[in-house]
Protein backbone atom coordinates (compact mmCIF):
# COMPACT_ATOMS: atom_id res chain seq x y z
CA PRO A 1 -19.75 -62.09 -34.79
CA ASP A 2 -19.19 -58.88 -32.74
CA PRO A 3 -21.45 -56.08 -34.19
CA ILE A 4 -20.82 -53.92 -30.99
CA GLY A 5 -17.06 -54.42 -31.64
CA LEU A 6 -17.63 -53.26 -35.11
CA ARG A 7 -19.63 -50.13 -34.00
CA TYR A 8 -16.68 -49.36 -31.49
CA LEU A 9 -14.22 -49.53 -34.45
CA SER A 10 -16.28 -47.56 -36.83
CA GLU A 11 -16.83 -44.63 -34.24
CA GLY A 12 -13.11 -44.79 -33.19
CA ALA A 13 -11.78 -44.65 -36.72
CA GLY A 14 -14.37 -42.45 -38.09
CA VAL A 15 -14.82 -45.02 -40.94
CA PRO A 16 -18.32 -46.56 -41.80
CA ILE A 17 -18.33 -50.18 -41.34
CA ILE A 18 -21.04 -52.31 -42.92
CA GLN A 19 -22.32 -55.40 -41.04
CA GLY A 20 -23.22 -58.39 -42.93
CA ALA A 21 -26.08 -60.75 -42.56
CA GLY A 22 -26.45 -64.52 -43.18
CA TYR A 23 -24.28 -67.45 -43.00
CA TYR A 24 -20.96 -68.78 -44.12
CA VAL A 25 -19.96 -72.12 -45.46
CA ASP A 26 -21.50 -75.43 -44.45
CA GLU A 27 -18.45 -76.38 -42.23
CA TYR A 28 -18.75 -73.41 -40.07
CA ILE A 29 -22.56 -74.19 -39.21
CA PRO A 30 -23.72 -75.94 -36.13
CA GLU A 31 -25.45 -79.08 -36.95
CA GLU A 32 -28.61 -78.25 -35.22
CA LEU A 33 -28.92 -75.29 -37.46
CA LYS A 34 -28.67 -77.21 -40.63
CA SER A 35 -32.40 -78.45 -40.24
CA ALA A 36 -33.65 -74.87 -40.40
CA THR A 37 -36.14 -74.27 -43.09
CA ILE A 38 -35.76 -71.69 -45.85
CA ASP A 39 -38.58 -69.64 -44.27
CA GLU A 40 -36.78 -69.63 -40.89
CA LEU A 41 -33.48 -68.54 -42.49
CA THR A 42 -35.17 -65.90 -44.42
CA ARG A 43 -36.77 -64.36 -41.23
CA GLU A 44 -33.52 -64.47 -39.54
CA ILE A 45 -31.63 -62.65 -42.34
CA VAL A 46 -34.60 -60.15 -42.57
CA ASP A 47 -34.24 -59.44 -38.88
CA GLN A 48 -30.61 -59.04 -39.09
CA VAL A 49 -31.20 -56.26 -41.59
CA ARG A 50 -34.26 -54.65 -40.10
CA VAL A 51 -33.93 -55.23 -36.31
CA GLY A 52 -30.38 -56.11 -35.42
CA CYS A 53 -27.71 -58.80 -35.57
CA TRP A 54 -27.25 -61.42 -32.88
CA GLY A 55 -29.32 -59.70 -30.16
CA THR A 56 -27.79 -56.23 -30.80
CA ASP A 57 -29.29 -53.14 -32.40
CA VAL A 58 -26.67 -53.03 -35.02
CA CYS A 59 -28.44 -53.67 -38.28
CA ALA A 60 -26.72 -55.36 -41.24
CA GLY A 61 -26.32 -53.18 -44.43
CA ILE A 62 -25.72 -56.22 -46.80
CA ILE A 63 -26.70 -59.71 -47.04
CA GLY A 64 -23.52 -61.86 -46.93
CA GLU A 65 -20.86 -62.93 -47.38
CA ILE A 66 -22.94 -65.93 -47.91
CA GLY A 67 -20.62 -68.88 -48.02
CA CYS A 68 -20.70 -71.67 -50.58
CA MET A 69 -18.54 -74.59 -51.21
CA TRP A 70 -18.17 -76.84 -54.38
CA PRO A 71 -20.44 -78.74 -54.74
CA LEU A 72 -23.24 -76.68 -53.01
CA ARG A 73 -24.11 -78.31 -49.65
CA PRO A 74 -27.95 -78.64 -48.94
CA PHE A 75 -27.63 -76.03 -46.12
CA GLU A 76 -25.79 -73.59 -48.40
CA ARG A 77 -28.39 -73.86 -51.19
CA LYS A 78 -31.22 -73.06 -48.47
CA VAL A 79 -29.32 -69.96 -47.46
CA LEU A 80 -28.85 -68.87 -50.96
CA GLN A 81 -32.55 -69.34 -51.53
CA ALA A 82 -33.32 -67.39 -48.11
CA ALA A 83 -30.94 -64.57 -49.09
CA ALA A 84 -32.98 -64.10 -52.40
CA LEU A 85 -36.24 -63.96 -50.50
CA ALA A 86 -34.71 -61.62 -47.90
CA GLN A 87 -33.45 -59.43 -50.60
CA GLN A 88 -36.82 -59.10 -51.96
CA GLU A 89 -38.01 -57.77 -48.58
CA THR A 90 -35.16 -55.56 -47.51
CA GLY A 91 -33.72 -54.25 -50.72
CA ALA A 92 -30.23 -55.27 -49.55
CA SER A 93 -27.55 -56.42 -51.95
CA ILE A 94 -26.25 -59.98 -51.59
CA ASN A 95 -22.53 -60.90 -51.60
CA VAL A 96 -21.46 -64.60 -52.10
CA HIS A 97 -18.30 -66.50 -51.51
CA PRO A 98 -18.42 -69.06 -54.34
CA GLY A 99 -16.84 -72.60 -54.39
CA ARG A 100 -13.52 -73.14 -55.80
CA HIS A 101 -14.69 -74.27 -59.13
CA ARG A 102 -15.24 -72.19 -62.41
CA GLU A 103 -18.81 -73.40 -62.54
CA ALA A 104 -19.71 -72.41 -59.08
CA PRO A 105 -20.63 -68.76 -59.69
CA LEU A 106 -22.98 -69.55 -62.48
CA GLU A 107 -24.75 -72.20 -60.40
CA ILE A 108 -25.15 -69.62 -57.75
CA VAL A 109 -26.67 -67.16 -60.10
CA ASP A 110 -29.14 -69.75 -61.08
CA VAL A 111 -30.23 -70.48 -57.40
CA ILE A 112 -30.72 -66.68 -56.84
CA GLN A 113 -32.62 -66.13 -59.95
CA ASN A 114 -34.81 -69.10 -59.39
CA ALA A 115 -35.62 -68.01 -55.90
CA GLY A 116 -36.73 -64.58 -57.29
CA GLY A 117 -33.53 -62.58 -56.30
CA ASP A 118 -32.30 -59.57 -58.27
CA VAL A 119 -28.83 -60.76 -59.92
CA ASN A 120 -28.09 -57.24 -60.78
CA ARG A 121 -27.48 -56.79 -56.87
CA LEU A 122 -25.55 -59.96 -56.52
CA VAL A 123 -21.93 -59.64 -55.87
CA MET A 124 -19.68 -62.56 -56.55
CA SER A 125 -16.56 -62.60 -54.45
CA HIS A 126 -13.18 -63.91 -55.34
CA ILE A 127 -13.29 -63.72 -59.07
CA ASP A 128 -9.51 -63.60 -58.96
CA ARG A 129 -9.18 -67.11 -57.63
CA THR A 130 -12.11 -68.68 -59.32
CA PHE A 131 -11.51 -67.81 -63.08
CA THR A 132 -8.29 -68.17 -64.90
CA ASP A 133 -10.07 -67.74 -68.20
CA PHE A 134 -11.20 -64.20 -68.91
CA ASP A 135 -13.99 -65.52 -70.92
CA ASP A 136 -15.52 -67.09 -67.97
CA ALA A 137 -15.75 -63.62 -66.24
CA VAL A 138 -17.45 -62.10 -69.36
CA GLU A 139 -19.84 -65.09 -69.16
CA LEU A 140 -20.72 -64.21 -65.58
CA ALA A 141 -20.99 -60.59 -66.34
CA ASP A 142 -23.57 -61.32 -69.05
CA THR A 143 -25.87 -62.60 -66.39
CA GLY A 144 -25.90 -59.03 -64.69
CA CYS A 145 -24.03 -60.27 -61.77
CA VAL A 146 -21.42 -57.95 -60.08
CA LEU A 147 -17.80 -59.18 -60.28
CA GLU A 148 -15.79 -58.50 -57.14
CA TYR A 149 -11.94 -58.62 -57.79
CA ASP A 150 -10.98 -58.77 -54.14
CA PHE A 151 -7.52 -60.16 -53.62
CA PHE A 152 -5.61 -56.91 -54.20
CA GLY A 153 -2.38 -57.15 -52.40
CA ILE A 154 -2.24 -60.99 -52.50
CA GLU A 155 0.45 -61.73 -54.87
CA THR A 156 1.78 -65.33 -54.19
CA SER A 157 2.75 -68.32 -56.00
CA TYR A 158 1.66 -70.54 -53.50
CA TYR A 159 -1.87 -69.90 -52.57
CA TRP A 160 -4.27 -72.60 -51.30
CA PHE A 161 -1.98 -75.70 -51.43
CA ASN A 162 -0.52 -74.44 -54.65
CA ASP A 163 -3.84 -75.13 -56.58
CA THR A 164 -4.60 -71.67 -57.69
CA ASP A 165 -2.86 -69.43 -60.12
CA LEU A 166 -3.28 -65.95 -58.64
CA PRO A 167 -2.98 -62.76 -60.89
CA THR A 168 -0.81 -59.74 -59.70
CA ASP A 169 -2.54 -56.36 -58.96
CA TYR A 170 -1.34 -55.33 -62.51
CA MET A 171 -3.29 -58.20 -63.97
CA ARG A 172 -6.28 -57.55 -62.04
CA LEU A 173 -6.52 -53.96 -63.33
CA ALA A 174 -5.97 -55.37 -66.86
CA TYR A 175 -9.03 -57.59 -66.30
CA ILE A 176 -11.14 -54.66 -65.00
CA ARG A 177 -9.94 -52.54 -67.94
CA SER A 178 -11.19 -55.22 -70.30
CA LEU A 179 -14.45 -55.41 -68.59
CA ILE A 180 -14.94 -51.72 -68.75
CA GLU A 181 -14.11 -51.67 -72.51
CA ARG A 182 -16.72 -54.42 -72.92
CA GLY A 183 -19.37 -52.24 -71.14
CA TYR A 184 -19.28 -54.04 -67.72
CA GLY A 185 -17.82 -51.21 -65.75
CA ARG A 186 -20.86 -50.75 -63.61
CA GLN A 187 -20.54 -54.39 -62.54
CA VAL A 188 -17.16 -54.37 -61.08
CA VAL A 189 -16.00 -53.68 -57.48
CA GLY A 190 -12.66 -54.21 -55.73
CA SER A 191 -11.42 -55.28 -52.24
CA HIS A 192 -8.74 -56.84 -50.22
CA ASP A 193 -10.22 -59.84 -48.84
CA ILE A 194 -8.22 -59.25 -45.52
CA CYS A 195 -8.78 -62.51 -43.52
CA THR A 196 -5.41 -63.35 -42.00
CA LYS A 197 -3.19 -61.53 -39.47
CA THR A 198 -0.25 -61.40 -42.21
CA ARG A 199 -2.41 -59.20 -44.39
CA LEU A 200 -2.54 -56.56 -41.65
CA SER A 201 -0.15 -53.66 -41.56
CA SER A 202 0.79 -54.45 -37.77
CA PHE A 203 1.93 -58.02 -39.04
CA GLY A 204 3.81 -56.66 -42.11
CA GLY A 205 1.04 -56.85 -44.62
CA HIS A 206 -0.46 -54.00 -46.86
CA GLY A 207 -3.30 -53.33 -44.54
CA TYR A 208 -6.59 -51.86 -45.34
CA ARG A 209 -5.27 -48.85 -46.95
CA HIS A 210 -3.62 -50.80 -49.88
CA ILE A 211 -6.17 -49.89 -52.54
CA PHE A 212 -6.16 -46.20 -51.80
CA GLN A 213 -2.38 -45.92 -51.23
CA ASN A 214 -1.13 -48.13 -53.94
CA VAL A 215 -3.88 -49.47 -56.26
CA VAL A 216 -5.49 -46.12 -57.01
CA PRO A 217 -2.04 -44.62 -58.14
CA LEU A 218 -1.63 -47.63 -60.14
CA MET A 219 -4.83 -47.15 -61.86
CA GLU A 220 -3.75 -43.61 -62.65
CA ARG A 221 -0.60 -44.71 -64.11
CA LYS A 222 -2.54 -47.27 -66.15
CA GLU A 223 -4.62 -44.51 -67.58
CA PHE A 224 -7.80 -45.21 -65.86
CA SER A 225 -9.85 -41.95 -66.19
CA GLU A 226 -10.97 -40.23 -63.02
CA THR A 227 -14.61 -41.17 -63.84
CA GLU A 228 -13.52 -44.83 -64.14
CA ILE A 229 -11.76 -44.77 -60.94
CA GLN A 230 -14.53 -43.19 -58.95
CA MET A 231 -16.99 -45.65 -60.66
CA ILE A 232 -14.99 -48.69 -59.32
CA ILE A 233 -13.92 -47.22 -56.02
CA GLN A 234 -16.98 -45.16 -55.04
CA ASP A 235 -19.96 -45.14 -57.21
CA ASN A 236 -20.51 -48.91 -57.64
CA PRO A 237 -19.90 -49.75 -53.83
CA ARG A 238 -22.31 -46.85 -53.00
CA SER A 239 -25.07 -48.15 -55.22
CA LEU A 240 -24.77 -51.77 -53.83
CA LEU A 241 -24.79 -50.52 -50.21
CA THR A 242 -28.00 -48.63 -50.84
CA PHE A 243 -31.24 -50.25 -50.18
CA VAL A 244 -33.51 -50.33 -53.07
């Protein structure tokens, strides 16, 4: 993690960047950390939000992206429980990377709920690659969880060892339209999930401007209202990035 680097980029670009708190999937965690208690993990996350991340004065504005695999590893379950407790203390939202199984998001919701977390401020990443059946997305939305369609710009027939059928940006917007029509509009956010060099504009990818340059005009052509566009692009993220 490089919080000072993020500050440098934010100031140089004039764009707010929100630092995350917490831990990624089990495979990224040093063995000596896996014996930490839930209380210890909670204090670490709370301090990252209130004091600063990794010895800096840069404070996190969201808890996550908390990394989970399928099935959940013991350390990941502890981190989810710690995230829920830290959320109660800080008022921050939680963002989670679910395992690659359609049952993973609902299991995560149960863990967060049972630990006292606020599911209405729980953002589930990677809906695009987790659910192939829209009914699964509706079932998750029924819990109050926020659904994040965050693969905008990724349109490939060979993703993750050809084991995942990814939608196109057109299909993502169709799913979002269906969620809005069912009354779940306030539970949807979008993103790019840029995590490889090939996604960056300097390496030939869409870059971080893709949603604003390409997706928003596509939403207009698909007859999303200005209110709906602002809800997805601005209002929902603003609400989730505000402490309560």
